[in-house]
Amino acid sequence: MPTVKKAVTGKDYGKAIINNVDRDHSNDPFVVKKVEAAKAFLRKNGLPDHLKK
């Protein structure tokens, strides 16, 4: 998904700038560690009943 940034100059708002170059964080060690910790927590504790469909 492209990132939309607004270029602001002075008191006026400029046109939106669309950036098609997004960073991929799927192999980031910090993100991988957090995802594994979240999966382990859900395996151990499960979801609350009001969140289950």
PDB file of N, CA and C in Angstrom:
ATOM      1  N   MET A   1       0.843  -1.164   0.000  1.00  0.00           N
ATOM      2  CA  MET A   1       0.000   0.000   0.000  1.00  0.00           C
ATOM      3  C   MET A   1       0.891   1.230   0.000  1.00  0.00           C
ATOM      4  N   PRO A   2       0.626   2.175  -0.899  1.00  0.00           N
ATOM      5  CA  PRO A   2       1.447   3.379  -0.939  1.00  0.00           C
ATOM      6  C   PRO A   2       1.195   4.272   0.272  1.00  0.00           C
ATOM      7  N   THR A   3       2.225   4.968   0.658  1.00  0.00           N
ATOM      8  CA  THR A   3       2.137   5.916   1.752  1.00  0.00           C
ATOM      9  C   THR A   3       1.774   7.279   1.186  1.00  0.00           C
ATOM     10  N   VAL A   4       0.830   7.955   1.830  1.00  0.00           N
ATOM     11  CA  VAL A   4       0.416   9.275   1.362  1.00  0.00           C
ATOM     12  C   VAL A   4       0.956  10.309   2.332  1.00  0.00           C
ATOM     13  N   LYS A   5       1.714  11.242   1.822  1.00  0.00           N
ATOM     14  CA  LYS A   5       2.264  12.316   2.635  1.00  0.00           C
ATOM     15  C   LYS A   5       1.765  13.635   2.079  1.00  0.00           C
ATOM     16  N   LYS A   6       1.514  14.580   2.944  1.00  0.00           N
ATOM     17  CA  LYS A   6       1.088  15.907   2.500  1.00  0.00           C
ATOM     18  C   LYS A   6       2.259  16.866   2.611  1.00  0.00           C
ATOM     19  N   ALA A   7       2.558  17.524   1.524  1.00  0.00           N
ATOM     20  CA  ALA A   7       3.609  18.532   1.536  1.00  0.00           C
ATOM     21  C   ALA A   7       2.987  19.848   1.987  1.00  0.00           C
ATOM     22  N   VAL A   8       3.501  20.416   3.057  1.00  0.00           N
ATOM     23  CA  VAL A   8       2.946  21.647   3.612  1.00  0.00           C
ATOM     24  C   VAL A   8       3.964  22.762   3.410  1.00  0.00           C
ATOM     25  N   THR A   9       3.495  23.840   2.813  1.00  0.00           N
ATOM     26  CA  THR A   9       4.354  25.002   2.621  1.00  0.00           C
ATOM     27  C   THR A   9       3.649  26.213   3.216  1.00  0.00           C
ATOM     28  N   GLY A  10       4.205  26.756   4.247  1.00  0.00           N
ATOM     29  CA  GLY A  10       3.629  27.951   4.864  1.00  0.00           C
ATOM     30  C   GLY A  10       2.260  27.687   5.462  1.00  0.00           C
ATOM     31  N   LYS A  11       1.300  28.554   5.179  1.00  0.00           N
ATOM     32  CA  LYS A  11      -0.048  28.423   5.708  1.00  0.00           C
ATOM     33  C   LYS A  11      -0.933  27.571   4.816  1.00  0.00           C
ATOM     34  N   ASP A  12      -0.519  27.345   3.582  1.00  0.00           N
ATOM     35  CA  ASP A  12      -1.307  26.551   2.641  1.00  0.00           C
ATOM     36  C   ASP A  12      -0.939  25.084   2.740  1.00  0.00           C
ATOM     37  N   TYR A  13      -1.888  24.231   2.426  1.00  0.00           N
ATOM     38  CA  TYR A  13      -1.628  22.810   2.323  1.00  0.00           C
ATOM     39  C   TYR A  13      -1.395  22.476   0.864  1.00  0.00           C
ATOM     40  N   GLY A  14      -0.325  21.746   0.604  1.00  0.00           N
ATOM     41  CA  GLY A  14       0.003  21.357  -0.754  1.00  0.00           C
ATOM     42  C   GLY A  14      -0.756  20.118  -1.169  1.00  0.00           C
ATOM     43  N   LYS A  15      -0.466  19.642  -2.367  1.00  0.00           N
ATOM     44  CA  LYS A  15      -1.101  18.432  -2.859  1.00  0.00           C
ATOM     45  C   LYS A  15      -0.478  17.223  -2.178  1.00  0.00           C
ATOM     46  N   ALA A  16      -1.200  16.112  -2.160  1.00  0.00           N
ATOM     47  CA  ALA A  16      -0.710  14.886  -1.548  1.00  0.00           C
ATOM     48  C   ALA A  16       0.385  14.276  -2.412  1.00  0.00           C
ATOM     49  N   ILE A  17       1.414  13.737  -1.764  1.00  0.00           N
ATOM     50  CA  ILE A  17       2.507  13.068  -2.448  1.00  0.00           C
ATOM     51  C   ILE A  17       2.368  11.573  -2.162  1.00  0.00           C
ATOM     52  N   ILE A  18       2.310  10.761  -3.202  1.00  0.00           N
ATOM     53  CA  ILE A  18       2.167   9.328  -3.045  1.00  0.00           C
ATOM     54  C   ILE A  18       3.531   8.682  -3.221  1.00  0.00           C
ATOM     55  N   ASN A  19       3.939   7.919  -2.219  1.00  0.00           N
ATOM     56  CA  ASN A  19       5.235   7.256  -2.223  1.00  0.00           C
ATOM     57  C   ASN A  19       5.003   5.764  -2.439  1.00  0.00           C
ATOM     58  N   ASN A  20       5.443   5.218  -3.569  1.00  0.00           N
ATOM     59  CA  ASN A  20       5.246   3.804  -3.864  1.00  0.00           C
ATOM     60  C   ASN A  20       6.349   2.923  -3.308  1.00  0.00           C
ATOM     61  N   VAL A  21       7.366   3.508  -2.709  1.00  0.00           N
ATOM     62  CA  VAL A  21       8.476   2.743  -2.153  1.00  0.00           C
ATOM     63  C   VAL A  21       8.242   2.590  -0.653  1.00  0.00           C
ATOM     64  N   ASP A  22       7.649   1.458  -0.274  1.00  0.00           N
ATOM     65  CA  ASP A  22       7.399   1.188   1.136  1.00  0.00           C
ATOM     66  C   ASP A  22       8.446   0.229   1.659  1.00  0.00           C
ATOM     67  N   ARG A  23       8.768   0.357   2.908  1.00  0.00           N
ATOM     68  CA  ARG A  23       9.736  -0.537   3.534  1.00  0.00           C
ATOM     69  C   ARG A  23       9.047  -1.833   3.921  1.00  0.00           C
ATOM     70  N   ASP A  24       9.768  -2.933   3.763  1.00  0.00           N
ATOM     71  CA  ASP A  24       9.257  -4.238   4.139  1.00  0.00           C
ATOM     72  C   ASP A  24       9.881  -4.626   5.472  1.00  0.00           C
ATOM     73  N   HIS A  25       9.046  -4.789   6.488  1.00  0.00           N
ATOM     74  CA  HIS A  25       9.541  -5.093   7.829  1.00  0.00           C
ATOM     75  C   HIS A  25       9.344  -6.559   8.189  1.00  0.00           C
ATOM     76  N   SER A  26       9.050  -7.420   7.205  1.00  0.00           N
ATOM     77  CA  SER A  26       8.753  -8.808   7.507  1.00  0.00           C
ATOM     78  C   SER A  26       9.962  -9.568   8.027  1.00  0.00           C
ATOM     79  N   ASN A  27      11.174  -9.167   7.662  1.00  0.00           N
ATOM     80  CA  ASN A  27      12.382  -9.855   8.129  1.00  0.00           C
ATOM     81  C   ASN A  27      13.153  -9.056   9.166  1.00  0.00           C
ATOM     82  N   ASP A  28      12.566  -8.001   9.673  1.00  0.00           N
ATOM     83  CA  ASP A  28      13.212  -7.185  10.696  1.00  0.00           C
ATOM     84  C   ASP A  28      13.297  -7.999  11.986  1.00  0.00           C
ATOM     85  N   PRO A  29      14.480  -8.162  12.579  1.00  0.00           N
ATOM     86  CA  PRO A  29      14.620  -8.991  13.786  1.00  0.00           C
ATOM     87  C   PRO A  29      13.729  -8.537  14.942  1.00  0.00           C
ATOM     88  N   PHE A  30      13.537  -7.245  15.107  1.00  0.00           N
ATOM     89  CA  PHE A  30      12.685  -6.736  16.187  1.00  0.00           C
ATOM     90  C   PHE A  30      11.241  -7.166  15.967  1.00  0.00           C
ATOM     91  N   VAL A  31      10.756  -7.057  14.722  1.00  0.00           N
ATOM     92  CA  VAL A  31       9.374  -7.418  14.408  1.00  0.00           C
ATOM     93  C   VAL A  31       9.186  -8.924  14.543  1.00  0.00           C
ATOM     94  N   VAL A  32      10.136  -9.710  14.055  1.00  0.00           N
ATOM     95  CA  VAL A  32      10.039 -11.163  14.154  1.00  0.00           C
ATOM     96  C   VAL A  32       9.979 -11.598  15.612  1.00  0.00           C
ATOM     97  N   LYS A  33      10.796 -10.970  16.463  1.00  0.00           N
ATOM     98  CA  LYS A  33      10.807 -11.302  17.889  1.00  0.00           C
ATOM     99  C   LYS A  33       9.452 -10.982  18.530  1.00  0.00           C
ATOM    100  N   LYS A  34       8.887  -9.826  18.205  1.00  0.00           N
ATOM    101  CA  LYS A  34       7.597  -9.434  18.780  1.00  0.00           C
ATOM    102  C   LYS A  34       6.468 -10.345  18.298  1.00  0.00           C
ATOM    103  N   VAL A  35       6.490 -10.738  17.030  1.00  0.00           N
ATOM    104  CA  VAL A  35       5.458 -11.618  16.486  1.00  0.00           C
ATOM    105  C   VAL A  35       5.532 -12.988  17.152  1.00  0.00           C
ATOM    106  N   GLU A  36       6.729 -13.522  17.321  1.00  0.00           N
ATOM    107  CA  GLU A  36       6.885 -14.816  17.983  1.00  0.00           C
ATOM    108  C   GLU A  36       6.411 -14.751  19.429  1.00  0.00           C
ATOM    109  N   ALA A  37       6.710 -13.655  20.120  1.00  0.00           N
ATOM    110  CA  ALA A  37       6.248 -13.502  21.500  1.00  0.00           C
ATOM    111  C   ALA A  37       4.722 -13.432  21.561  1.00  0.00           C
ATOM    112  N   ALA A  38       4.110 -12.751  20.614  1.00  0.00           N
ATOM    113  CA  ALA A  38       2.648 -12.643  20.582  1.00  0.00           C
ATOM    114  C   ALA A  38       2.014 -14.003  20.281  1.00  0.00           C
ATOM    115  N   LYS A  39       2.611 -14.763  19.360  1.00  0.00           N
ATOM    116  CA  LYS A  39       2.084 -16.095  19.047  1.00  0.00           C
ATOM    117  C   LYS A  39       2.189 -17.017  20.250  1.00  0.00           C
ATOM    118  N   ALA A  40       3.306 -16.950  20.959  1.00  0.00           N
ATOM    119  CA  ALA A  40       3.484 -17.787  22.145  1.00  0.00           C
ATOM    120  C   ALA A  40       2.464 -17.420  23.224  1.00  0.00           C
ATOM    121  N   PHE A  41       2.216 -16.145  23.397  1.00  0.00           N
ATOM    122  CA  PHE A  41       1.238 -15.697  24.392  1.00  0.00           C
ATOM    123  C   PHE A  41      -0.156 -16.202  24.040  1.00  0.00           C
ATOM    124  N   LEU A  42      -0.522 -16.107  22.744  1.00  0.00           N
ATOM    125  CA  LEU A  42      -1.854 -16.562  22.339  1.00  0.00           C
ATOM    126  C   LEU A  42      -1.989 -18.077  22.442  1.00  0.00           C
ATOM    127  N   ARG A  43      -0.910 -18.811  22.151  1.00  0.00           N
ATOM    128  CA  ARG A  43      -0.960 -20.265  22.305  1.00  0.00           C
ATOM    129  C   ARG A  43      -1.174 -20.644  23.770  1.00  0.00           C
ATOM    130  N   LYS A  44      -0.526 -19.909  24.666  1.00  0.00           N
ATOM    131  CA  LYS A  44      -0.615 -20.219  26.092  1.00  0.00           C
ATOM    132  C   LYS A  44      -1.956 -19.788  26.679  1.00  0.00           C
ATOM    133  N   ASN A  45      -2.401 -18.564  26.359  1.00  0.00           N
ATOM    134  CA  ASN A  45      -3.576 -17.988  27.016  1.00  0.00           C
ATOM    135  C   ASN A  45      -4.839 -18.021  26.172  1.00  0.00           C
ATOM    136  N   GLY A  46      -4.709 -18.016  24.862  1.00  0.00           N
ATOM    137  CA  GLY A  46      -5.890 -17.999  24.003  1.00  0.00           C
ATOM    138  C   GLY A  46      -6.543 -16.629  23.983  1.00  0.00           C
ATOM    139  N   LEU A  47      -7.615 -16.539  23.216  1.00  0.00           N
ATOM    140  CA  LEU A  47      -8.370 -15.292  23.122  1.00  0.00           C
ATOM    141  C   LEU A  47      -9.486 -15.259  24.144  1.00  0.00           C
ATOM    142  N   PRO A  48      -9.856 -14.086  24.642  1.00  0.00           N
ATOM    143  CA  PRO A  48     -11.028 -13.980  25.514  1.00  0.00           C
ATOM    144  C   PRO A  48     -12.297 -14.363  24.743  1.00  0.00           C
ATOM    145  N   ASP A  49     -13.304 -14.808  25.450  1.00  0.00           N
ATOM    146  CA  ASP A  49     -14.535 -15.281  24.804  1.00  0.00           C
ATOM    147  C   ASP A  49     -15.215 -14.199  23.981  1.00  0.00           C
ATOM    148  N   HIS A  50     -15.145 -12.952  24.429  1.00  0.00           N
ATOM    149  CA  HIS A  50     -15.851 -11.897  23.699  1.00  0.00           C
ATOM    150  C   HIS A  50     -15.159 -11.519  22.379  1.00  0.00           C
ATOM    151  N   LEU A  51     -13.940 -12.004  22.165  1.00  0.00           N
ATOM    152  CA  LEU A  51     -13.240 -11.736  20.916  1.00  0.00           C
ATOM    153  C   LEU A  51     -13.334 -12.901  19.935  1.00  0.00           C
ATOM    154  N   LYS A  52     -13.816 -14.040  20.394  1.00  0.00           N
ATOM    155  CA  LYS A  52     -13.969 -15.198  19.518  1.00  0.00           C
ATOM    156  C   LYS A  52     -15.251 -15.046  18.717  1.00  0.00           C
ATOM    157  N   LYS A  53     -15.194 -15.474  17.463  1.00  0.00           N
ATOM    158  CA  LYS A  53     -16.405 -15.371  16.631  1.00  0.00           C
ATOM    159  C   LYS A  53     -17.039 -16.727  16.462  1.00  0.00           C
TER     160      LYS A  53
END
